[in-house]
PDB file of N, CA and C in Angstrom:
ATOM      1  N   UNK A   1      82.102  90.281 110.296  1.00  0.00           N
ATOM      2  CA  UNK A   1      82.228  91.522 109.574  1.00  0.00           C
ATOM      3  C   UNK A   1      83.604  92.151 109.788  1.00  0.00           C
ATOM      4  N   UNK A   2      84.117  92.109 110.999  1.00  0.00           N
ATOM      5  CA  UNK A   2      85.412  92.711 111.295  1.00  0.00           C
ATOM      6  C   UNK A   2      86.521  91.999 110.527  1.00  0.00           C
ATOM      7  N   UNK A   3      86.421  90.681 110.399  1.00  0.00           N
ATOM      8  CA  UNK A   3      87.430  89.919 109.663  1.00  0.00           C
ATOM      9  C   UNK A   3      87.450  90.345 108.196  1.00  0.00           C
ATOM     10  N   UNK A   4      86.302  90.536 107.623  1.00  0.00           N
ATOM     11  CA  UNK A   4      86.223  90.967 106.226  1.00  0.00           C
ATOM     12  C   UNK A   4      86.859  92.338 106.075  1.00  0.00           C
ATOM     13  N   UNK A   5      86.591  93.247 106.993  1.00  0.00           N
ATOM     14  CA  UNK A   5      87.160  94.591 106.918  1.00  0.00           C
ATOM     15  C   UNK A   5      88.676  94.552 107.046  1.00  0.00           C
ATOM     16  N   UNK A   6      89.185  93.749 107.945  1.00  0.00           N
ATOM     17  CA  UNK A   6      90.627  93.622 108.115  1.00  0.00           C
ATOM     18  C   UNK A   6      91.247  93.015 106.864  1.00  0.00           C
ATOM     19  N   UNK A   7      90.596  92.024 106.290  1.00  0.00           N
ATOM     20  CA  UNK A   7      91.095  91.396 105.060  1.00  0.00           C
ATOM     21  C   UNK A   7      91.112  92.405 103.918  1.00  0.00           C
ATOM     22  N   UNK A   8      90.066  93.184 103.787  1.00  0.00           N
ATOM     23  CA  UNK A   8      90.029  94.214 102.742  1.00  0.00           C
ATOM     24  C   UNK A   8      91.128  95.248 102.953  1.00  0.00           C
ATOM     25  N   UNK A   9      91.360  95.642 104.183  1.00  0.00           N
ATOM     26  CA  UNK A   9      92.428  96.590 104.490  1.00  0.00           C
ATOM     27  C   UNK A   9      93.777  95.997 104.120  1.00  0.00           C
ATOM     28  N   UNK A  10      93.967  94.734 104.430  1.00  0.00           N
ATOM     29  CA  UNK A  10      95.212  94.050 104.098  1.00  0.00           C
ATOM     30  C   UNK A  10      95.426  94.031 102.587  1.00  0.00           C
ATOM     31  N   UNK A  11      94.392  93.709 101.840  1.00  0.00           N
ATOM     32  CA  UNK A  11      94.480  93.669 100.377  1.00  0.00           C
ATOM     33  C   UNK A  11      94.777  95.060  99.823  1.00  0.00           C
ATOM     34  N   UNK A  12      94.097  96.081 100.341  1.00  0.00           N
ATOM     35  CA  UNK A  12      94.317  97.447  99.863  1.00  0.00           C
ATOM     36  C   UNK A  12      95.752  97.890 100.144  1.00  0.00           C
ATOM     37  N   UNK A  13      96.269  97.572 101.308  1.00  0.00           N
ATOM     38  CA  UNK A  13      97.651  97.906 101.657  1.00  0.00           C
ATOM     39  C   UNK A  13      98.617  97.174 100.742  1.00  0.00           C
ATOM     40  N   UNK A  14      98.334  95.929 100.480  1.00  0.00           N
ATOM     41  CA  UNK A  14      99.164  95.089  99.611  1.00  0.00           C
ATOM     42  C   UNK A  14      99.215  95.667  98.198  1.00  0.00           C
ATOM     43  N   UNK A  15      98.056  96.028  97.660  1.00  0.00           N
ATOM     44  CA  UNK A  15      97.986  96.589  96.309  1.00  0.00           C
ATOM     45  C   UNK A  15      98.710  97.928  96.251  1.00  0.00           C
ATOM     46  N   UNK A  16      98.515  98.769  97.259  1.00  0.00           N
ATOM     47  CA  UNK A  16      99.197 100.054  97.293  1.00  0.00           C
ATOM     48  C   UNK A  16     100.705  99.861  97.304  1.00  0.00           C
ATOM     49  N   UNK A  17     101.165  98.864  98.035  1.00  0.00           N
ATOM     50  CA  UNK A  17     102.595  98.566  98.072  1.00  0.00           C
ATOM     51  C   UNK A  17     103.121  98.151  96.713  1.00  0.00           C
ATOM     52  N   UNK A  18     102.382  97.316  96.017  1.00  0.00           N
ATOM     53  CA  UNK A  18     102.795  96.878  94.676  1.00  0.00           C
ATOM     54  C   UNK A  18     102.830  98.064  93.720  1.00  0.00           C
ATOM     55  N   UNK A  19     101.815  98.918  93.781  1.00  0.00           N
ATOM     56  CA  UNK A  19     101.732 100.046  92.852  1.00  0.00           C
ATOM     57  C   UNK A  19     102.865 101.049  93.056  1.00  0.00           C
ATOM     58  N   UNK A  20     103.418 101.097  94.247  1.00  0.00           N
ATOM     59  CA  UNK A  20     104.490 102.058  94.503  1.00  0.00           C
ATOM     60  C   UNK A  20     105.874 101.491  94.168  1.00  0.00           C
ATOM     61  N   UNK A  21     105.953 100.247  93.732  1.00  0.00           N
ATOM     62  CA  UNK A  21     107.238  99.618  93.440  1.00  0.00           C
ATOM     63  C   UNK A  21     107.699  99.928  92.023  1.00  0.00           C
ATOM     64  N   UNK A  22     109.025  99.972  91.878  1.00  0.00           N
ATOM     65  CA  UNK A  22     109.569  99.991  90.526  1.00  0.00           C
ATOM     66  C   UNK A  22     109.943  98.554  90.170  1.00  0.00           C
ATOM     67  N   UNK A  23     110.442  98.347  88.965  1.00  0.00           N
ATOM     68  CA  UNK A  23     110.731  96.988  88.497  1.00  0.00           C
ATOM     69  C   UNK A  23     111.754  96.281  89.372  1.00  0.00           C
ATOM     70  N   UNK A  24     112.787  96.991  89.792  1.00  0.00           N
ATOM     71  CA  UNK A  24     113.824  96.365  90.617  1.00  0.00           C
ATOM     72  C   UNK A  24     113.283  95.992  92.003  1.00  0.00           C
ATOM     73  N   UNK A  25     112.516  96.893  92.600  1.00  0.00           N
ATOM     74  CA  UNK A  25     111.915  96.597  93.908  1.00  0.00           C
ATOM     75  C   UNK A  25     110.996  95.390  93.823  1.00  0.00           C
ATOM     76  N   UNK A  26     110.213  95.343  92.745  1.00  0.00           N
ATOM     77  CA  UNK A  26     109.295  94.225  92.573  1.00  0.00           C
ATOM     78  C   UNK A  26     110.064  92.917  92.450  1.00  0.00           C
ATOM     79  N   UNK A  27     111.117  92.906  91.640  1.00  0.00           N
ATOM     80  CA  UNK A  27     111.909  91.692  91.452  1.00  0.00           C
ATOM     81  C   UNK A  27     112.527  91.234  92.774  1.00  0.00           C
ATOM     82  N   UNK A  28     113.016  92.165  93.561  1.00  0.00           N
ATOM     83  CA  UNK A  28     113.591  91.811  94.869  1.00  0.00           C
ATOM     84  C   UNK A  28     112.529  91.222  95.796  1.00  0.00           C
ATOM     85  N   UNK A  29     111.360  91.842  95.829  1.00  0.00           N
ATOM     86  CA  UNK A  29     110.276  91.341  96.684  1.00  0.00           C
ATOM     87  C   UNK A  29     109.800  89.967  96.219  1.00  0.00           C
ATOM     88  N   UNK A  30     109.674  89.786  94.894  1.00  0.00           N
ATOM     89  CA  UNK A  30     109.236  88.497  94.361  1.00  0.00           C
ATOM     90  C   UNK A  30     110.255  87.415  94.692  1.00  0.00           C
ATOM     91  N   UNK A  31     111.533  87.735  94.545  1.00  0.00           N
ATOM     92  CA  UNK A  31     112.588  86.772  94.872  1.00  0.00           C
ATOM     93  C   UNK A  31     112.529  86.395  96.341  1.00  0.00           C
ATOM     94  N   UNK A  32     112.309  87.367  97.203  1.00  0.00           N
ATOM     95  CA  UNK A  32     112.217  87.092  98.641  1.00  0.00           C
ATOM     96  C   UNK A  32     111.030  86.185  98.944  1.00  0.00           C
ATOM     97  N   UNK A  33     109.886  86.466  98.338  1.00  0.00           N
ATOM     98  CA  UNK A  33     108.707  85.633  98.575  1.00  0.00           C
ATOM     99  C   UNK A  33     108.925  84.205  98.070  1.00  0.00           C
ATOM    100  N   UNK A  34     109.518  84.075  96.894  1.00  0.00           N
ATOM    101  CA  UNK A  34     109.801  82.741  96.347  1.00  0.00           C
ATOM    102  C   UNK A  34     110.792  81.993  97.225  1.00  0.00           C
ATOM    103  N   UNK A  35     111.831  82.674  97.654  1.00  0.00           N
ATOM    104  CA  UNK A  35     112.838  82.045  98.513  1.00  0.00           C
ATOM    105  C   UNK A  35     112.210  81.579  99.819  1.00  0.00           C
ATOM    106  N   UNK A  36     111.381  82.425 100.427  1.00  0.00           N
ATOM    107  CA  UNK A  36     110.703  82.039 101.670  1.00  0.00           C
ATOM    108  C   UNK A  36     109.805  80.823 101.459  1.00  0.00           C
ATOM    109  N   UNK A  37     109.085  80.803 100.347  1.00  0.00           N
ATOM    110  CA  UNK A  37     108.205  79.676 100.044  1.00  0.00           C
ATOM    111  C   UNK A  37     109.013  78.388  99.887  1.00  0.00           C
ATOM    112  N   UNK A  38     110.109  78.446  99.137  1.00  0.00           N
ATOM    113  CA  UNK A  38     110.940  77.258  98.924  1.00  0.00           C
ATOM    114  C   UNK A  38     111.642  76.829 100.205  1.00  0.00           C
ATOM    115  N   UNK A  39     112.060  77.794 101.027  1.00  0.00           N
ATOM    116  CA  UNK A  39     112.700  77.444 102.310  1.00  0.00           C
ATOM    117  C   UNK A  39     111.711  76.706 103.212  1.00  0.00           C
ATOM    118  N   UNK A  40     110.477  77.175 103.233  1.00  0.00           N
ATOM    119  CA  UNK A  40     109.467  76.496 104.042  1.00  0.00           C
ATOM    120  C   UNK A  40     109.215  75.098 103.504  1.00  0.00           C
ATOM    121  N   UNK A  41     109.156  74.975 102.196  1.00  0.00           N
ATOM    122  CA  UNK A  41     108.955  73.671 101.579  1.00  0.00           C
ATOM    123  C   UNK A  41     110.103  72.726 101.932  1.00  0.00           C
ATOM    124  N   UNK A  42     111.304  73.244 101.917  1.00  0.00           N
ATOM    125  CA  UNK A  42     112.478  72.423 102.226  1.00  0.00           C
ATOM    126  C   UNK A  42     112.495  72.006 103.700  1.00  0.00           C
ATOM    127  N   UNK A  43     112.177  72.924 104.585  1.00  0.00           N
ATOM    128  CA  UNK A  43     112.263  72.621 106.018  1.00  0.00           C
ATOM    129  C   UNK A  43     111.074  71.814 106.534  1.00  0.00           C
ATOM    130  N   UNK A  44     109.873  72.069 105.976  1.00  0.00           N
ATOM    131  CA  UNK A  44     108.676  71.400 106.476  1.00  0.00           C
ATOM    132  C   UNK A  44     108.133  70.339 105.527  1.00  0.00           C
ATOM    133  N   UNK A  45     108.708  70.269 104.333  1.00  0.00           N
ATOM    134  CA  UNK A  45     108.273  69.260 103.385  1.00  0.00           C
ATOM    135  C   UNK A  45     107.061  69.639 102.557  1.00  0.00           C
ATOM    136  N   UNK A  46     106.414  70.759 102.880  1.00  0.00           N
ATOM    137  CA  UNK A  46     105.265  71.187 102.098  1.00  0.00           C
ATOM    138  C   UNK A  46     104.925  72.635 102.413  1.00  0.00           C
ATOM    139  N   UNK A  47     104.111  73.198 101.539  1.00  0.00           N
ATOM    140  CA  UNK A  47     103.556  74.530 101.766  1.00  0.00           C
ATOM    141  C   UNK A  47     102.055  74.448 101.473  1.00  0.00           C
ATOM    142  N   UNK A  48     101.321  75.433 101.938  1.00  0.00           N
ATOM    143  CA  UNK A  48      99.876  75.409 101.725  1.00  0.00           C
ATOM    144  C   UNK A  48      99.518  76.022 100.376  1.00  0.00           C
ATOM    145  N   UNK A  49      98.355  75.673  99.898  1.00  0.00           N
ATOM    146  CA  UNK A  49      97.866  76.260  98.649  1.00  0.00           C
ATOM    147  C   UNK A  49      97.725  77.772  98.795  1.00  0.00           C
ATOM    148  N   UNK A  50      97.361  78.223  99.985  1.00  0.00           N
ATOM    149  CA  UNK A  50      97.197  79.658 100.234  1.00  0.00           C
ATOM    150  C   UNK A  50      98.537  80.378 100.077  1.00  0.00           C
ATOM    151  N   UNK A  51      99.596  79.795 100.620  1.00  0.00           N
ATOM    152  CA  UNK A  51     100.929  80.401 100.504  1.00  0.00           C
ATOM    153  C   UNK A  51     101.393  80.436  99.041  1.00  0.00           C
ATOM    154  N   UNK A  52     101.199  79.325  98.359  1.00  0.00           N
ATOM    155  CA  UNK A  52     101.568  79.273  96.938  1.00  0.00           C
ATOM    156  C   UNK A  52     100.751  80.278  96.142  1.00  0.00           C
ATOM    157  N   UNK A  53      99.469  80.367  96.450  1.00  0.00           N
ATOM    158  CA  UNK A  53      98.584  81.282  95.745  1.00  0.00           C
ATOM    159  C   UNK A  53      98.966  82.737  95.927  1.00  0.00           C
ATOM    160  N   UNK A  54      99.425  83.088  97.112  1.00  0.00           N
ATOM    161  CA  UNK A  54      99.844  84.467  97.362  1.00  0.00           C
ATOM    162  C   UNK A  54     101.046  84.841  96.506  1.00  0.00           C
ATOM    163  N   UNK A  55     102.024  83.954  96.464  1.00  0.00           N
ATOM    164  CA  UNK A  55     103.219  84.226  95.668  1.00  0.00           C
ATOM    165  C   UNK A  55     102.859  84.257  94.185  1.00  0.00           C
ATOM    166  N   UNK A  56     102.060  83.300  93.755  1.00  0.00           N
ATOM    167  CA  UNK A  56     101.633  83.269  92.353  1.00  0.00           C
ATOM    168  C   UNK A  56     100.843  84.521  91.999  1.00  0.00           C
ATOM    169  N   UNK A  57      99.954  84.943  92.882  1.00  0.00           N
ATOM    170  CA  UNK A  57      99.173  86.161  92.658  1.00  0.00           C
ATOM    171  C   UNK A  57     100.048  87.394  92.594  1.00  0.00           C
ATOM    172  N   UNK A  58     101.077  87.430  93.431  1.00  0.00           N
ATOM    173  CA  UNK A  58     102.013  88.553  93.415  1.00  0.00           C
ATOM    174  C   UNK A  58     102.718  88.630  92.064  1.00  0.00           C
ATOM    175  N   UNK A  59     103.169  87.477  91.568  1.00  0.00           N
ATOM    176  CA  UNK A  59     103.842  87.446  90.271  1.00  0.00           C
ATOM    177  C   UNK A  59     102.894  87.853  89.142  1.00  0.00           C
ATOM    178  N   UNK A  60     101.664  87.375  89.197  1.00  0.00           N
ATOM    179  CA  UNK A  60     100.682  87.756  88.175  1.00  0.00           C
ATOM    180  C   UNK A  60     100.371  89.256  88.236  1.00  0.00           C
ATOM    181  N   UNK A  61     100.304  89.803  89.436  1.00  0.00           N
ATOM    182  CA  UNK A  61     100.070  91.249  89.570  1.00  0.00           C
ATOM    183  C   UNK A  61     101.220  92.023  88.937  1.00  0.00           C
ATOM    184  N   UNK A  62     102.436  91.564  89.159  1.00  0.00           N
ATOM    185  CA  UNK A  62     103.591  92.216  88.551  1.00  0.00           C
ATOM    186  C   UNK A  62     103.546  92.163  87.039  1.00  0.00           C
ATOM    187  N   UNK A  63     103.099  91.047  86.503  1.00  0.00           N
ATOM    188  CA  UNK A  63     102.967  90.925  85.048  1.00  0.00           C
ATOM    189  C   UNK A  63     101.877  91.874  84.540  1.00  0.00           C
ATOM    190  N   UNK A  64     100.775  91.909  85.235  1.00  0.00           N
ATOM    191  CA  UNK A  64      99.651  92.759  84.837  1.00  0.00           C
ATOM    192  C   UNK A  64     100.053  94.234  84.847  1.00  0.00           C
ATOM    193  N   UNK A  65     100.841  94.619  85.845  1.00  0.00           N
ATOM    194  CA  UNK A  65     101.256  96.018  85.972  1.00  0.00           C
ATOM    195  C   UNK A  65     102.476  96.357  85.118  1.00  0.00           C
ATOM    196  N   UNK A  66     103.006  95.365  84.421  1.00  0.00           N
ATOM    197  CA  UNK A  66     104.153  95.607  83.556  1.00  0.00           C
ATOM    198  C   UNK A  66     105.474  95.704  84.293  1.00  0.00           C
ATOM    199  N   UNK A  67     105.524  95.193  85.525  1.00  0.00           N
ATOM    200  CA  UNK A  67     106.765  95.247  86.303  1.00  0.00           C
ATOM    201  C   UNK A  67     107.714  94.107  85.949  1.00  0.00           C
ATOM    202  N   UNK A  68     107.163  92.984  85.499  1.00  0.00           N
ATOM    203  CA  UNK A  68     107.958  91.855  85.019  1.00  0.00           C
ATOM    204  C   UNK A  68     107.192  91.168  83.895  1.00  0.00           C
ATOM    205  N   UNK A  69     107.921  90.379  83.127  1.00  0.00           N
ATOM    206  CA  UNK A  69     107.277  89.542  82.112  1.00  0.00           C
ATOM    207  C   UNK A  69     107.124  88.136  82.698  1.00  0.00           C
ATOM    208  N   UNK A  70     106.370  87.299  82.016  1.00  0.00           N
ATOM    209  CA  UNK A  70     106.208  85.916  82.466  1.00  0.00           C
ATOM    210  C   UNK A  70     107.566  85.215  82.486  1.00  0.00           C
ATOM    211  N   UNK A  71     108.396  85.505  81.481  1.00  0.00           N
ATOM    212  CA  UNK A  71     109.720  84.893  81.423  1.00  0.00           C
ATOM    213  C   UNK A  71     110.601  85.350  82.587  1.00  0.00           C
ATOM    214  N   UNK A  72     110.534  86.619  82.927  1.00  0.00           N
ATOM    215  CA  UNK A  72     111.307  87.115  84.065  1.00  0.00           C
ATOM    216  C   UNK A  72     110.826  86.480  85.367  1.00  0.00           C
ATOM    217  N   UNK A  73     109.519  86.295  85.492  1.00  0.00           N
ATOM    218  CA  UNK A  73     108.977  85.623  86.677  1.00  0.00           C
ATOM    219  C   UNK A  73     109.484  84.197  86.779  1.00  0.00           C
ATOM    220  N   UNK A  74     109.523  83.518  85.648  1.00  0.00           N
ATOM    221  CA  UNK A  74     110.042  82.142  85.607  1.00  0.00           C
ATOM    222  C   UNK A  74     111.522  82.119  85.990  1.00  0.00           C
ATOM    223  N   UNK A  75     112.276  83.101  85.503  1.00  0.00           N
ATOM    224  CA  UNK A  75     113.697  83.184  85.846  1.00  0.00           C
ATOM    225  C   UNK A  75     113.899  83.432  87.338  1.00  0.00           C
ATOM    226  N   UNK A  76     113.085  84.312  87.921  1.00  0.00           N
ATOM    227  CA  UNK A  76     113.173  84.569  89.363  1.00  0.00           C
ATOM    228  C   UNK A  76     112.892  83.301  90.155  1.00  0.00           C
ATOM    229  N   UNK A  77     111.882  82.552  89.701  1.00  0.00           N
ATOM    230  CA  UNK A  77     111.530  81.305  90.372  1.00  0.00           C
ATOM    231  C   UNK A  77     112.673  80.296  90.278  1.00  0.00           C
ATOM    232  N   UNK A  78     113.256  80.182  89.115  1.00  0.00           N
ATOM    233  CA  UNK A  78     114.368  79.245  88.921  1.00  0.00           C
ATOM    234  C   UNK A  78     115.568  79.616  89.776  1.00  0.00           C
ATOM    235  N   UNK A  79     115.881  80.907  89.841  1.00  0.00           N
ATOM    236  CA  UNK A  79     117.012  81.364  90.656  1.00  0.00           C
ATOM    237  C   UNK A  79     116.778  81.085  92.136  1.00  0.00           C
ATOM    238  N   UNK A  80     115.576  81.395  92.616  1.00  0.00           N
ATOM    239  CA  UNK A  80     115.259  81.166  94.027  1.00  0.00           C
ATOM    240  C   UNK A  80     115.292  79.671  94.349  1.00  0.00           C
ATOM    241  N   UNK A  81     114.774  78.859  93.447  1.00  0.00           N
ATOM    242  CA  UNK A  81     114.766  77.408  93.645  1.00  0.00           C
ATOM    243  C   UNK A  81     116.194  76.878  93.741  1.00  0.00           C
ATOM    244  N   UNK A  82     117.056  77.353  92.842  1.00  0.00           N
ATOM    245  CA  UNK A  82     118.443  76.907  92.857  1.00  0.00           C
ATOM    246  C   UNK A  82     119.150  77.337  94.145  1.00  0.00           C
ATOM    247  N   UNK A  83     118.886  78.567  94.616  1.00  0.00           N
ATOM    248  CA  UNK A  83     119.492  79.053  95.861  1.00  0.00           C
ATOM    249  C   UNK A  83     119.111  78.181  97.052  1.00  0.00           C
ATOM    250  N   UNK A  84     117.871  77.743  97.090  1.00  0.00           N
ATOM    251  CA  UNK A  84     117.388  76.968  98.238  1.00  0.00           C
ATOM    252  C   UNK A  84     117.761  75.486  98.130  1.00  0.00           C
ATOM    253  N   UNK A  85     117.541  74.895  96.972  1.00  0.00           N
ATOM    254  CA  UNK A  85     117.720  73.451  96.832  1.00  0.00           C
ATOM    255  C   UNK A  85     119.033  73.040  96.174  1.00  0.00           C
ATOM    256  N   UNK A  86     119.711  73.974  95.518  1.00  0.00           N
ATOM    257  CA  UNK A  86     120.972  73.654  94.870  1.00  0.00           C
ATOM    258  C   UNK A  86     120.822  72.825  93.609  1.00  0.00           C
ATOM    259  N   UNK A  87     119.629  72.808  93.045  1.00  0.00           N
ATOM    260  CA  UNK A  87     119.327  72.043  91.837  1.00  0.00           C
ATOM    261  C   UNK A  87     118.537  72.965  90.911  1.00  0.00           C
ATOM    262  N   UNK A  88     118.797  72.856  89.619  1.00  0.00           N
ATOM    263  CA  UNK A  88     118.055  73.676  88.663  1.00  0.00           C
ATOM    264  C   UNK A  88     116.619  73.178  88.537  1.00  0.00           C
ATOM    265  N   UNK A  89     115.687  74.097  88.577  1.00  0.00           N
ATOM    266  CA  UNK A  89     114.261  73.769  88.522  1.00  0.00           C
ATOM    267  C   UNK A  89     113.906  73.034  87.235  1.00  0.00           C
ATOM    268  N   UNK A  90     114.494  73.424  86.116  1.00  0.00           N
ATOM    269  CA  UNK A  90     114.211  72.750  84.840  1.00  0.00           C
ATOM    270  C   UNK A  90     114.580  71.270  84.902  1.00  0.00           C
ATOM    271  N   UNK A  91     115.690  70.956  85.561  1.00  0.00           N
ATOM    272  CA  UNK A  91     116.118  69.559  85.667  1.00  0.00           C
ATOM    273  C   UNK A  91     115.172  68.753  86.545  1.00  0.00           C
ATOM    274  N   UNK A  92     114.694  69.365  87.600  1.00  0.00           N
ATOM    275  CA  UNK A  92     113.735  68.691  88.480  1.00  0.00           C
ATOM    276  C   UNK A  92     112.441  68.407  87.726  1.00  0.00           C
ATOM    277  N   UNK A  93     111.977  69.399  86.977  1.00  0.00           N
ATOM    278  CA  UNK A  93     110.737  69.227  86.227  1.00  0.00           C
ATOM    279  C   UNK A  93     110.877  68.161  85.147  1.00  0.00           C
ATOM    280  N   UNK A  94     112.033  68.108  84.481  1.00  0.00           N
ATOM    281  CA  UNK A  94     112.208  67.081  83.449  1.00  0.00           C
ATOM    282  C   UNK A  94     112.317  65.690  84.073  1.00  0.00           C
ATOM    283  N   UNK A  95     112.947  65.596  85.248  1.00  0.00           N
ATOM    284  CA  UNK A  95     113.023  64.305  85.939  1.00  0.00           C
ATOM    285  C   UNK A  95     111.625  63.834  86.352  1.00  0.00           C
ATOM    286  N   UNK A  96     110.790  64.764  86.811  1.00  0.00           N
ATOM    287  CA  UNK A  96     109.416  64.410  87.176  1.00  0.00           C
ATOM    288  C   UNK A  96     108.630  63.952  85.954  1.00  0.00           C
ATOM    289  N   UNK A  97     108.844  64.627  84.830  1.00  0.00           N
ATOM    290  CA  UNK A  97     108.143  64.248  83.599  1.00  0.00           C
ATOM    291  C   UNK A  97     108.569  62.854  83.143  1.00  0.00           C
ATOM    292  N   UNK A  98     109.870  62.551  83.241  1.00  0.00           N
ATOM    293  CA  UNK A  98     110.347  61.209  82.866  1.00  0.00           C
ATOM    294  C   UNK A  98     109.744  60.146  83.779  1.00  0.00           C
ATOM    295  N   UNK A  99     109.682  60.444  85.057  1.00  0.00           N
ATOM    296  CA  UNK A  99     109.108  59.499  86.013  1.00  0.00           C
ATOM    297  C   UNK A  99     107.627  59.267  85.717  1.00  0.00           C
ATOM    298  N   UNK A 100     106.909  60.339  85.430  1.00  0.00           N
ATOM    299  CA  UNK A 100     105.485  60.220  85.136  1.00  0.00           C
ATOM    300  C   UNK A 100     105.263  59.385  83.877  1.00  0.00           C
ATOM    301  N   UNK A 101     106.056  59.629  82.835  1.00  0.00           N
ATOM    302  CA  UNK A 101     105.928  58.858  81.594  1.00  0.00           C
ATOM    303  C   UNK A 101     106.218  57.386  81.839  1.00  0.00           C
ATOM    304  N   UNK A 102     107.265  57.115  82.609  1.00  0.00           N
ATOM    305  CA  UNK A 102     107.625  55.723  82.883  1.00  0.00           C
ATOM    306  C   UNK A 102     106.506  55.014  83.632  1.00  0.00           C
ATOM    307  N   UNK A 103     105.912  55.684  84.592  1.00  0.00           N
ATOM    308  CA  UNK A 103     104.835  55.065  85.368  1.00  0.00           C
ATOM    309  C   UNK A 103     103.580  54.877  84.518  1.00  0.00           C
ATOM    310  N   UNK A 104     103.304  55.832  83.638  1.00  0.00           N
ATOM    311  CA  UNK A 104     102.131  55.701  82.770  1.00  0.00           C
ATOM    312  C   UNK A 104     102.298  54.547  81.781  1.00  0.00           C
ATOM    313  N   UNK A 105     103.514  54.293  81.362  1.00  0.00           N
ATOM    314  CA  UNK A 105     103.793  53.225  80.396  1.00  0.00           C
ATOM    315  C   UNK A 105     104.120  51.891  81.059  1.00  0.00           C
ATOM    316  N   UNK A 106     104.021  51.846  82.383  1.00  0.00           N
ATOM    317  CA  UNK A 106     104.392  50.650  83.150  1.00  0.00           C
ATOM    318  C   UNK A 106     105.804  50.197  82.796  1.00  0.00           C
ATOM    319  N   UNK A 107     106.711  51.158  82.728  1.00  0.00           N
ATOM    320  CA  UNK A 107     108.099  50.904  82.379  1.00  0.00           C
ATOM    321  C   UNK A 107     108.838  50.391  83.617  1.00  0.00           C
ATOM    322  N   UNK A 108     108.959  49.079  83.721  1.00  0.00           N
ATOM    323  CA  UNK A 108     109.622  48.477  84.877  1.00  0.00           C
ATOM    324  C   UNK A 108     111.118  48.760  84.894  1.00  0.00           C
ATOM    325  N   UNK A 109     111.706  48.990  83.721  1.00  0.00           N
ATOM    326  CA  UNK A 109     113.136  49.309  83.669  1.00  0.00           C
ATOM    327  C   UNK A 109     113.434  50.568  84.473  1.00  0.00           C
ATOM    328  N   UNK A 110     112.530  51.528  84.407  1.00  0.00           N
ATOM    329  CA  UNK A 110     112.706  52.772  85.163  1.00  0.00           C
ATOM    330  C   UNK A 110     112.740  52.494  86.660  1.00  0.00           C
ATOM    331  N   UNK A 111     111.882  51.598  87.107  1.00  0.00           N
ATOM    332  CA  UNK A 111     111.822  51.278  88.531  1.00  0.00           C
ATOM    333  C   UNK A 111     113.014  50.439  88.986  1.00  0.00           C
ATOM    334  N   UNK A 112     113.729  49.817  88.041  1.00  0.00           N
ATOM    335  CA  UNK A 112     114.932  49.061  88.391  1.00  0.00           C
ATOM    336  C   UNK A 112     116.111  49.969  88.704  1.00  0.00           C
ATOM    337  N   UNK A 113     116.026  51.229  88.298  1.00  0.00           N
ATOM    338  CA  UNK A 113     117.086  52.196  88.611  1.00  0.00           C
ATOM    339  C   UNK A 113     116.981  52.519  90.104  1.00  0.00           C
ATOM    340  N   UNK A 114     118.094  52.478  90.838  1.00  0.00           N
ATOM    341  CA  UNK A 114     118.043  52.816  92.264  1.00  0.00           C
ATOM    342  C   UNK A 114     117.397  54.188  92.485  1.00  0.00           C
ATOM    343  N   UNK A 115     116.606  54.291  93.522  1.00  0.00           N
ATOM    344  CA  UNK A 115     115.857  55.518  93.780  1.00  0.00           C
ATOM    345  C   UNK A 115     116.774  56.734  93.858  1.00  0.00           C
ATOM    346  N   UNK A 116     117.921  56.602  94.463  1.00  0.00           N
ATOM    347  CA  UNK A 116     118.829  57.742  94.587  1.00  0.00           C
ATOM    348  C   UNK A 116     119.265  58.249  93.223  1.00  0.00           C
ATOM    349  N   UNK A 117     119.392  57.371  92.263  1.00  0.00           N
ATOM    350  CA  UNK A 117     119.759  57.789  90.916  1.00  0.00           C
ATOM    351  C   UNK A 117     118.557  58.369  90.177  1.00  0.00           C
ATOM    352  N   UNK A 118     117.375  57.841  90.421  1.00  0.00           N
ATOM    353  CA  UNK A 118     116.172  58.378  89.776  1.00  0.00           C
ATOM    354  C   UNK A 118     115.877  59.783  90.265  1.00  0.00           C
ATOM    355  N   UNK A 119     116.125  60.010  91.539  1.00  0.00           N
ATOM    356  CA  UNK A 119     115.811  61.306  92.129  1.00  0.00           C
ATOM    357  C   UNK A 119     116.849  62.356  91.813  1.00  0.00           C
ATOM    358  N   UNK A 120     118.024  61.953  91.395  1.00  0.00           N
ATOM    359  CA  UNK A 120     119.069  62.910  91.059  1.00  0.00           C
ATOM    360  C   UNK A 120     118.851  63.374  89.636  1.00  0.00           C
ATOM    361  N   UNK A 121     118.527  64.667  89.466  1.00  0.00           N
ATOM    362  CA  UNK A 121     118.302  65.171  88.106  1.00  0.00           C
ATOM    363  C   UNK A 121     119.558  65.067  87.263  1.00  0.00           C
ATOM    364  N   UNK A 122     119.371  64.838  85.981  1.00  0.00           N
ATOM    365  CA  UNK A 122     120.491  64.732  85.050  1.00  0.00           C
ATOM    366  C   UNK A 122     121.094  66.073  84.781  1.00  0.00           C
TER     367      UNK A 122
END
C-alpha cells in the first residue's frame, strides 16, 4: 500500500510540474530527458522499456497540453540524437529500413557490403 501511495504522489508531482511549464520550459525538459536516454543507450548499449516509456509519455503529455506538436517532439528527438551520436536520426532509420528490406528479400548483395559501410548511414 505504501508503494502505491508513493507512486501516486510521484505521478501527481510530475503532472503538477508539467502543468506549470511554459512551451520553452517543456522543450528544454524534453530535450534533457531525450539526451539522458540517448546517453544511457550509448554508454550501456540499451535502455529499459520503462525509461523509454517515461520519455514518450512526457512528450505525449506535452502534445496533449498543447505545449508542443508531434512534429516539434520529433525535431527535439532528432536534435538530441544528433548531439549524442553525431548522426542524423532520419539517416539511421532509413539505413535500418534498407537493411530490413534486404534481409526480407534475401538480398545477398547487401550482405556482401562490408559491415562498416552498411552501418554508416548515407
